[in-house]
Every structure is written in C-alpha cells, then in structure tokens.
C-alpha cells in the first residue's frame, strides 16, 4: 500500500498563516483592552486623590469656622510653587493645605472664605478643569447660639 501526499490531512501553510493572523489580532485586542483599563485606573486614582485632598481642606476650614476658631482672613490663595494655579494656605501657620487650585485671576485677589453675616460663611474653591467652583456654606455655632439666647 502506497500513501500519497494528497491523502494526508493536516494544516497547510495557508491555514497556519491565517491562524497566526487571527491569534495576533486577538492578542492585539486584549493588549489594547488592558492598556485602556490601566489608563482608566490611573485617572480614577488621580481623581480619588484630588477628592481626598479637597475634602480634607474643606473639612479643615469648615471645622475651624464652625467652632469659631477661624475667621475669613485666616485662609489665602498664593501662587503655587510650580507656578501653575494656586495653593491654599493657612495664614496663621503659614502651611499649605492644598495645591493645584485654579484661579479666576491673580491668586491673592480671591477670597476663599466670605462672611455672609449672622455667623454664616461661604467657602469657595475653584478646581482646575471644572467650570463651576466648589461652594460650601458653614455656620458658626457659637454665633447662632448667642443670637438665640439674646432673642429669648
């Protein structure tokens, strides 16, 4: 019995090349998906870090105002050390609370805390790449209690 090459079955050169192309496309797609997920994770980490820093700054300012330990002039914006944007400083300690804030003009001209009267304060922070500022209203509890006692 003689066997001819025509009777043999198996993958030919063309089939192997097609399989390699398909496998390469699958690997390319998987690597693009992996890189996209990795970039999104980096963006999410950056946003989480920014949120934590802004939350800390807002909590630090609002806690002082609520207790009556702070005044509107205790916080100021200065040009950031890298020259990009503004940094929020605690004027009493001279220490920065948060870097990377944007400015609508010159950093020193912006008021972070404004006295609205009757122990109510407005905290305003302008964040980079955000059209509207972050605004928080805080009430000095000691002023409110004093006013309530005076009215009784």
N, C-alpha and C. Protein backbone atom coordinates (compact mmCIF):
# COMPACT_ATOMS: atom_id res chain seq x y z
N UNK A 1 0.82 -1.16 0.00
CA UNK A 1 0.00 0.00 0.00
C UNK A 1 0.87 1.23 0.00
N UNK A 2 0.54 2.03 -0.93
CA UNK A 2 1.25 3.29 -1.03
C UNK A 2 0.35 4.41 -0.55
N UNK A 3 0.94 5.32 0.19
CA UNK A 3 0.20 6.52 0.62
C UNK A 3 0.72 7.70 -0.16
N UNK A 4 -0.18 8.47 -0.68
CA UNK A 4 0.24 9.67 -1.40
C UNK A 4 0.10 10.88 -0.48
N UNK A 5 0.79 11.93 -0.89
CA UNK A 5 0.70 13.17 -0.09
C UNK A 5 -0.70 13.76 -0.14
N UNK A 6 -1.45 13.51 -1.16
CA UNK A 6 -2.80 14.04 -1.30
C UNK A 6 -3.74 13.43 -0.28
N UNK A 7 -3.46 12.22 0.16
CA UNK A 7 -4.33 11.56 1.12
C UNK A 7 -4.11 12.05 2.55
N UNK A 8 -3.00 12.68 2.79
CA UNK A 8 -2.70 13.13 4.15
C UNK A 8 -3.56 14.35 4.50
N UNK A 9 -4.05 14.37 5.71
CA UNK A 9 -4.82 15.54 6.15
C UNK A 9 -4.02 16.24 7.24
N UNK A 10 -4.20 17.54 7.35
CA UNK A 10 -3.47 18.35 8.33
C UNK A 10 -3.55 19.80 7.93
N UNK A 11 -2.93 20.61 8.70
CA UNK A 11 -2.96 22.04 8.43
C UNK A 11 -1.88 22.38 7.42
N UNK A 12 -2.30 23.10 6.43
CA UNK A 12 -1.35 23.54 5.43
C UNK A 12 -0.74 24.87 5.82
N UNK A 13 0.15 25.35 5.01
CA UNK A 13 0.84 26.60 5.28
C UNK A 13 -0.13 27.78 5.34
N UNK A 14 -1.10 27.80 4.45
CA UNK A 14 -2.07 28.91 4.41
C UNK A 14 -2.92 28.91 5.68
N UNK A 15 -3.35 27.75 6.11
CA UNK A 15 -4.16 27.68 7.33
C UNK A 15 -3.37 28.14 8.55
N UNK A 16 -2.09 27.74 8.62
CA UNK A 16 -1.24 28.17 9.73
C UNK A 16 -1.05 29.69 9.74
N UNK A 17 -0.86 30.28 8.57
CA UNK A 17 -0.71 31.74 8.48
C UNK A 17 -1.99 32.45 8.90
N UNK A 18 -3.13 31.93 8.47
CA UNK A 18 -4.41 32.53 8.86
C UNK A 18 -4.60 32.42 10.38
N UNK A 19 -4.26 31.29 10.95
CA UNK A 19 -4.38 31.10 12.40
C UNK A 19 -3.46 32.07 13.14
N UNK A 20 -2.26 32.29 12.63
CA UNK A 20 -1.34 33.23 13.27
C UNK A 20 -1.86 34.66 13.20
N UNK A 21 -2.47 35.03 12.08
CA UNK A 21 -3.04 36.38 11.95
C UNK A 21 -4.19 36.56 12.93
N UNK A 22 -5.07 35.56 13.02
CA UNK A 22 -6.20 35.65 13.93
C UNK A 22 -5.71 35.73 15.38
N UNK A 23 -4.73 34.91 15.73
CA UNK A 23 -4.19 34.94 17.09
C UNK A 23 -3.53 36.28 17.39
N UNK A 24 -2.83 36.84 16.41
CA UNK A 24 -2.20 38.15 16.60
C UNK A 24 -3.24 39.23 16.83
N UNK A 25 -4.35 39.18 16.10
CA UNK A 25 -5.42 40.17 16.28
C UNK A 25 -6.06 40.04 17.66
N UNK A 26 -6.24 38.82 18.12
CA UNK A 26 -6.81 38.61 19.45
C UNK A 26 -5.86 39.16 20.52
N UNK A 27 -4.57 38.88 20.39
CA UNK A 27 -3.59 39.39 21.35
C UNK A 27 -3.53 40.91 21.31
N UNK A 28 -3.58 41.50 20.12
CA UNK A 28 -3.57 42.95 19.99
C UNK A 28 -4.80 43.57 20.66
N UNK A 29 -5.96 42.98 20.43
CA UNK A 29 -7.19 43.48 21.06
C UNK A 29 -7.13 43.38 22.58
N UNK A 30 -6.62 42.26 23.08
CA UNK A 30 -6.51 42.08 24.53
C UNK A 30 -5.53 43.07 25.14
N UNK A 31 -4.42 43.33 24.45
CA UNK A 31 -3.45 44.29 24.99
C UNK A 31 -4.01 45.71 24.97
N UNK A 32 -4.78 46.07 23.94
CA UNK A 32 -5.42 47.39 23.90
C UNK A 32 -6.43 47.53 25.03
N UNK A 33 -7.18 46.48 25.29
CA UNK A 33 -8.15 46.50 26.38
C UNK A 33 -7.43 46.65 27.72
N UNK A 34 -6.34 45.93 27.91
CA UNK A 34 -5.56 46.03 29.14
C UNK A 34 -5.01 47.43 29.33
N UNK A 35 -4.45 48.03 28.28
CA UNK A 35 -3.91 49.38 28.39
C UNK A 35 -5.01 50.40 28.69
N UNK A 36 -6.17 50.24 28.07
CA UNK A 36 -7.29 51.14 28.35
C UNK A 36 -7.75 51.06 29.79
N UNK A 37 -7.83 49.85 30.31
CA UNK A 37 -8.23 49.66 31.71
C UNK A 37 -7.19 50.26 32.65
N UNK A 38 -5.92 50.08 32.30
CA UNK A 38 -4.84 50.63 33.13
C UNK A 38 -4.87 52.16 33.14
N UNK A 39 -5.14 52.79 31.99
CA UNK A 39 -5.23 54.25 31.93
C UNK A 39 -6.42 54.76 32.73
N UNK A 40 -7.55 54.06 32.62
CA UNK A 40 -8.73 54.46 33.39
C UNK A 40 -8.48 54.34 34.89
N UNK A 41 -7.76 53.31 35.30
CA UNK A 41 -7.44 53.14 36.71
C UNK A 41 -6.55 54.28 37.20
N UNK A 42 -5.62 54.73 36.38
CA UNK A 42 -4.74 55.85 36.73
C UNK A 42 -5.55 57.13 36.90
N UNK A 43 -6.47 57.38 35.97
CA UNK A 43 -7.33 58.57 36.07
C UNK A 43 -8.18 58.50 37.33
N UNK A 44 -8.72 57.33 37.62
CA UNK A 44 -9.54 57.16 38.81
C UNK A 44 -8.72 57.38 40.09
N UNK A 45 -7.49 56.88 40.11
CA UNK A 45 -6.62 57.12 41.27
C UNK A 45 -6.34 58.61 41.45
N UNK A 46 -6.06 59.31 40.35
CA UNK A 46 -5.80 60.75 40.43
C UNK A 46 -7.02 61.50 40.95
N UNK A 47 -8.21 61.14 40.46
CA UNK A 47 -9.43 61.79 40.93
C UNK A 47 -9.70 61.48 42.40
N UNK A 48 -9.44 60.27 42.81
CA UNK A 48 -9.65 59.90 44.22
C UNK A 48 -8.71 60.68 45.12
N UNK A 49 -7.47 60.82 44.69
CA UNK A 49 -6.50 61.59 45.48
C UNK A 49 -6.91 63.06 45.56
N UNK A 50 -7.35 63.63 44.44
CA UNK A 50 -7.79 65.02 44.42
C UNK A 50 -9.00 65.21 45.34
N UNK A 51 -9.94 64.26 45.28
CA UNK A 51 -11.13 64.35 46.13
C UNK A 51 -10.75 64.29 47.61
N UNK A 52 -9.83 63.43 47.96
CA UNK A 52 -9.41 63.32 49.36
C UNK A 52 -8.75 64.61 49.84
N UNK A 53 -7.93 65.21 49.01
CA UNK A 53 -7.23 66.44 49.39
C UNK A 53 -8.22 67.59 49.53
N UNK A 54 -9.15 67.71 48.58
CA UNK A 54 -10.15 68.78 48.64
C UNK A 54 -11.07 68.57 49.85
N UNK A 55 -11.46 67.33 50.10
CA UNK A 55 -12.30 67.05 51.28
C UNK A 55 -11.58 67.44 52.57
N UNK A 56 -10.29 67.13 52.64
CA UNK A 56 -9.52 67.50 53.82
C UNK A 56 -9.48 69.02 54.00
N UNK A 57 -9.21 69.74 52.92
CA UNK A 57 -9.13 71.20 53.01
C UNK A 57 -10.48 71.79 53.42
N UNK A 58 -11.56 71.32 52.81
CA UNK A 58 -12.88 71.85 53.14
C UNK A 58 -13.25 71.52 54.59
N UNK A 59 -12.92 70.32 55.03
CA UNK A 59 -13.21 69.92 56.42
C UNK A 59 -12.39 70.74 57.40
N UNK A 60 -11.13 70.97 57.07
CA UNK A 60 -10.25 71.76 57.95
C UNK A 60 -10.78 73.19 58.11
N UNK A 61 -11.15 73.80 56.99
CA UNK A 61 -11.66 75.18 57.03
C UNK A 61 -13.01 75.23 57.75
N UNK A 62 -13.92 74.33 57.36
CA UNK A 62 -15.27 74.39 57.94
C UNK A 62 -15.27 74.07 59.43
N UNK A 63 -14.41 73.16 59.87
CA UNK A 63 -14.36 72.83 61.30
C UNK A 63 -13.92 74.04 62.12
N UNK A 64 -12.92 74.76 61.63
CA UNK A 64 -12.48 75.97 62.34
C UNK A 64 -13.55 77.04 62.38
N UNK A 65 -14.26 77.21 61.28
CA UNK A 65 -15.32 78.22 61.23
C UNK A 65 -16.49 77.83 62.14
N UNK A 66 -16.86 76.56 62.16
CA UNK A 66 -17.98 76.11 63.00
C UNK A 66 -17.69 76.31 64.48
N UNK A 67 -16.44 76.07 64.87
CA UNK A 67 -16.06 76.23 66.28
C UNK A 67 -15.84 77.69 66.65
N UNK A 68 -15.71 78.55 65.67
CA UNK A 68 -15.42 79.95 65.95
C UNK A 68 -13.93 80.21 66.12
N UNK A 69 -13.10 79.22 65.78
CA UNK A 69 -11.64 79.36 65.92
C UNK A 69 -11.00 80.06 64.72
N UNK A 70 -11.72 80.17 63.63
CA UNK A 70 -11.15 80.73 62.40
C UNK A 70 -11.97 81.92 61.94
N UNK A 71 -11.35 82.73 61.11
CA UNK A 71 -12.01 83.90 60.54
C UNK A 71 -11.77 83.89 59.03
N UNK A 72 -12.55 84.67 58.27
CA UNK A 72 -12.38 84.68 56.82
C UNK A 72 -10.96 84.99 56.35
N UNK A 73 -10.23 85.81 57.08
CA UNK A 73 -8.88 86.18 56.65
C UNK A 73 -7.81 85.16 57.00
N UNK A 74 -8.20 84.06 57.64
CA UNK A 74 -7.20 83.06 58.05
C UNK A 74 -6.72 82.18 56.91
N UNK A 75 -7.39 82.22 55.79
CA UNK A 75 -7.03 81.36 54.65
C UNK A 75 -6.82 82.24 53.43
N UNK A 76 -5.78 81.93 52.67
CA UNK A 76 -5.49 82.73 51.48
C UNK A 76 -4.96 81.85 50.37
N UNK A 77 -5.13 82.34 49.16
CA UNK A 77 -4.57 81.67 47.99
C UNK A 77 -3.28 82.36 47.60
N UNK A 78 -2.26 81.57 47.35
CA UNK A 78 -0.98 82.08 46.87
C UNK A 78 -0.62 81.32 45.60
N UNK A 79 0.22 81.94 44.79
CA UNK A 79 0.67 81.25 43.59
C UNK A 79 1.41 79.98 43.99
N UNK A 80 1.08 78.88 43.31
CA UNK A 80 1.68 77.59 43.63
C UNK A 80 3.19 77.63 43.40
N UNK A 81 3.94 76.83 44.14
CA UNK A 81 5.40 76.81 43.96
C UNK A 81 5.84 76.50 42.54
N UNK A 82 5.07 75.67 41.83
CA UNK A 82 5.43 75.35 40.45
C UNK A 82 4.93 76.40 39.46
N UNK A 83 4.23 77.42 39.96
CA UNK A 83 3.75 78.50 39.09
C UNK A 83 2.47 78.19 38.35
N UNK A 84 1.91 77.00 38.56
CA UNK A 84 0.68 76.62 37.88
C UNK A 84 -0.46 76.58 38.89
N UNK A 85 -1.37 77.53 38.77
CA UNK A 85 -2.51 77.57 39.66
C UNK A 85 -2.18 78.20 41.00
N UNK A 86 -3.01 77.90 41.98
CA UNK A 86 -2.88 78.49 43.31
C UNK A 86 -2.80 77.40 44.37
N UNK A 87 -2.23 77.77 45.50
CA UNK A 87 -2.19 76.90 46.67
C UNK A 87 -2.95 77.58 47.79
N UNK A 88 -3.71 76.81 48.54
CA UNK A 88 -4.46 77.33 49.68
C UNK A 88 -3.57 77.24 50.92
N UNK A 89 -3.38 78.37 51.59
CA UNK A 89 -2.52 78.43 52.77
C UNK A 89 -3.33 78.80 54.00
N UNK A 90 -2.96 78.21 55.12
CA UNK A 90 -3.46 78.64 56.43
C UNK A 90 -2.55 79.79 56.85
N UNK A 91 -3.10 80.98 56.91
CA UNK A 91 -2.30 82.18 57.17
C UNK A 91 -1.66 82.15 58.56
N UNK A 92 -2.32 81.55 59.53
CA UNK A 92 -1.78 81.53 60.89
C UNK A 92 -0.53 80.66 61.00
N UNK A 93 -0.59 79.47 60.40
CA UNK A 93 0.56 78.56 60.49
C UNK A 93 1.53 78.75 59.33
N UNK A 94 1.05 79.36 58.25
CA UNK A 94 1.88 79.54 57.06
C UNK A 94 2.05 78.28 56.25
N UNK A 95 1.30 77.24 56.58
CA UNK A 95 1.43 75.95 55.90
C UNK A 95 0.39 75.82 54.79
N UNK A 96 0.77 75.19 53.68
CA UNK A 96 -0.22 74.96 52.61
C UNK A 96 -1.16 73.82 53.00
N UNK A 97 -2.44 74.00 52.65
CA UNK A 97 -3.42 72.95 52.88
C UNK A 97 -3.64 72.12 51.63
N UNK A 98 -3.63 72.79 50.46
CA UNK A 98 -3.92 72.10 49.21
C UNK A 98 -3.25 72.85 48.06
N UNK A 99 -2.71 72.09 47.13
CA UNK A 99 -2.09 72.66 45.93
C UNK A 99 -2.97 72.37 44.72
N UNK A 100 -2.68 73.06 43.64
CA UNK A 100 -3.32 72.75 42.37
C UNK A 100 -4.70 73.34 42.17
N UNK A 101 -5.04 74.38 42.91
CA UNK A 101 -6.32 75.04 42.69
C UNK A 101 -6.18 76.01 41.54
N UNK A 102 -7.23 76.15 40.78
CA UNK A 102 -7.18 77.13 39.69
C UNK A 102 -7.59 78.48 40.23
N UNK A 103 -7.36 79.47 39.43
CA UNK A 103 -7.65 80.83 39.85
C UNK A 103 -8.42 81.53 38.74
N UNK A 104 -9.34 82.39 39.13
CA UNK A 104 -10.06 83.18 38.13
C UNK A 104 -9.31 84.45 37.80
N UNK A 105 -8.22 84.67 38.46
CA UNK A 105 -7.42 85.87 38.24
C UNK A 105 -6.10 85.71 38.95
N UNK A 106 -5.71 86.71 39.69
CA UNK A 106 -4.49 86.63 40.49
C UNK A 106 -4.84 85.94 41.80
N UNK A 107 -4.02 85.00 42.20
CA UNK A 107 -4.32 84.16 43.37
C UNK A 107 -4.66 84.98 44.62
N UNK A 108 -3.91 86.02 44.91
CA UNK A 108 -4.12 86.80 46.11
C UNK A 108 -5.41 87.59 46.13
N UNK A 109 -6.05 87.78 44.96
CA UNK A 109 -7.27 88.57 44.88
C UNK A 109 -8.53 87.77 45.21
N UNK A 110 -8.43 86.47 45.27
CA UNK A 110 -9.61 85.64 45.52
C UNK A 110 -9.82 85.45 47.01
N UNK A 111 -11.07 85.46 47.41
CA UNK A 111 -11.43 85.23 48.81
C UNK A 111 -11.93 83.80 48.94
N UNK A 112 -11.25 83.03 49.76
CA UNK A 112 -11.65 81.64 49.97
C UNK A 112 -12.86 81.59 50.88
N UNK A 113 -12.84 82.39 51.95
CA UNK A 113 -13.94 82.42 52.92
C UNK A 113 -14.53 83.81 52.94
N UNK A 114 -15.85 83.88 52.78
CA UNK A 114 -16.55 85.17 52.84
C UNK A 114 -17.55 85.13 53.99
N UNK A 115 -17.61 86.22 54.75
CA UNK A 115 -18.55 86.35 55.85
C UNK A 115 -19.88 86.83 55.27
N UNK A 116 -20.92 86.01 55.40
CA UNK A 116 -22.23 86.35 54.86
C UNK A 116 -23.11 87.03 55.92
N UNK A 117 -22.60 87.17 57.13
CA UNK A 117 -23.36 87.78 58.22
C UNK A 117 -24.07 86.74 59.07
N UNK A 118 -24.36 87.09 60.31
CA UNK A 118 -25.07 86.23 61.26
C UNK A 118 -24.37 84.89 61.49
N UNK A 119 -23.05 84.87 61.39
CA UNK A 119 -22.29 83.64 61.64
C UNK A 119 -22.29 82.66 60.48
N UNK A 120 -22.72 83.11 59.32
CA UNK A 120 -22.74 82.24 58.14
C UNK A 120 -21.55 82.61 57.25
N UNK A 121 -20.82 81.60 56.82
CA UNK A 121 -19.65 81.79 55.96
C UNK A 121 -19.81 80.97 54.68
N UNK A 122 -19.25 81.50 53.60
CA UNK A 122 -19.24 80.76 52.33
C UNK A 122 -17.79 80.45 51.98
N UNK A 123 -17.50 79.16 51.80
CA UNK A 123 -16.18 78.70 51.37
C UNK A 123 -16.26 78.41 49.88
N UNK A 124 -15.34 78.98 49.10
CA UNK A 124 -15.34 78.79 47.65
C UNK A 124 -13.95 78.36 47.19
N UNK A 125 -13.89 77.23 46.49
CA UNK A 125 -12.64 76.76 45.90
C UNK A 125 -12.86 76.52 44.41
N UNK A 126 -11.98 77.06 43.59
CA UNK A 126 -12.03 76.85 42.14
C UNK A 126 -11.08 75.71 41.79
N UNK A 127 -11.62 74.65 41.23
CA UNK A 127 -10.81 73.49 40.87
C UNK A 127 -10.44 73.54 39.40
N UNK A 128 -9.27 73.01 39.05
CA UNK A 128 -8.87 73.01 37.64
C UNK A 128 -9.80 72.13 36.81
N UNK A 129 -10.04 72.55 35.60
CA UNK A 129 -10.86 71.81 34.63
C UNK A 129 -12.31 71.64 35.07
N UNK A 130 -12.78 72.46 36.00
CA UNK A 130 -14.17 72.42 36.44
C UNK A 130 -14.73 73.82 36.28
N UNK A 131 -15.84 73.94 35.55
CA UNK A 131 -16.38 75.26 35.23
C UNK A 131 -16.93 75.98 36.46
N UNK A 132 -17.64 75.26 37.31
CA UNK A 132 -18.25 75.90 38.47
C UNK A 132 -17.41 75.63 39.72
N UNK A 133 -17.29 76.62 40.59
CA UNK A 133 -16.48 76.43 41.80
C UNK A 133 -17.19 75.52 42.81
N UNK A 134 -16.42 74.98 43.71
CA UNK A 134 -16.95 74.18 44.81
C UNK A 134 -17.29 75.15 45.93
N UNK A 135 -18.57 75.20 46.31
CA UNK A 135 -19.05 76.17 47.31
C UNK A 135 -19.67 75.41 48.48
N UNK A 136 -19.31 75.82 49.68
CA UNK A 136 -19.84 75.21 50.89
C UNK A 136 -20.20 76.33 51.87
N UNK A 137 -21.39 76.25 52.44
CA UNK A 137 -21.82 77.23 53.44
C UNK A 137 -21.68 76.61 54.83
N UNK A 138 -21.13 77.39 55.75
CA UNK A 138 -20.85 76.91 57.10
C UNK A 138 -21.42 77.92 58.10
N UNK A 139 -21.92 77.41 59.22
CA UNK A 139 -22.48 78.27 60.26
C UNK A 139 -21.61 78.15 61.51
N UNK A 140 -21.24 79.31 62.06
CA UNK A 140 -20.51 79.36 63.33
C UNK A 140 -21.52 79.10 64.44
N UNK A 141 -21.42 77.98 65.08
CA UNK A 141 -22.41 77.57 66.07
C UNK A 141 -22.47 78.51 67.27
N UNK A 142 -21.33 79.02 67.68
CA UNK A 142 -21.33 79.91 68.85
C UNK A 142 -22.09 81.20 68.57
N UNK A 143 -21.99 81.74 67.36
CA UNK A 143 -22.71 82.96 67.00
C UNK A 143 -24.21 82.69 66.98
N UNK A 144 -24.61 81.57 66.42
CA UNK A 144 -26.03 81.23 66.35
C UNK A 144 -26.60 81.04 67.76
N UNK A 145 -25.87 80.32 68.61
CA UNK A 145 -26.35 80.12 69.98
C UNK A 145 -26.44 81.43 70.75
N UNK A 146 -25.48 82.32 70.55
CA UNK A 146 -25.51 83.63 71.20
C UNK A 146 -26.72 84.43 70.73
N UNK A 147 -27.01 84.39 69.44
CA UNK A 147 -28.16 85.12 68.91
C UNK A 147 -29.47 84.53 69.42
N UNK A 148 -29.54 83.21 69.52
CA UNK A 148 -30.75 82.58 70.03
C UNK A 148 -30.98 82.94 71.50
N UNK A 149 -29.92 82.95 72.28
CA UNK A 149 -30.05 83.31 73.70
C UNK A 149 -30.45 84.77 73.85
N UNK A 150 -29.95 85.63 72.98
CA UNK A 150 -30.28 87.06 73.05
C UNK A 150 -31.73 87.30 72.69
N UNK A 151 -32.29 86.48 71.82
CA UNK A 151 -33.68 86.65 71.40
C UNK A 151 -34.65 86.14 72.45
N UNK A 152 -34.20 85.29 73.35
CA UNK A 152 -35.12 84.71 74.35
C UNK A 152 -35.37 85.62 75.47
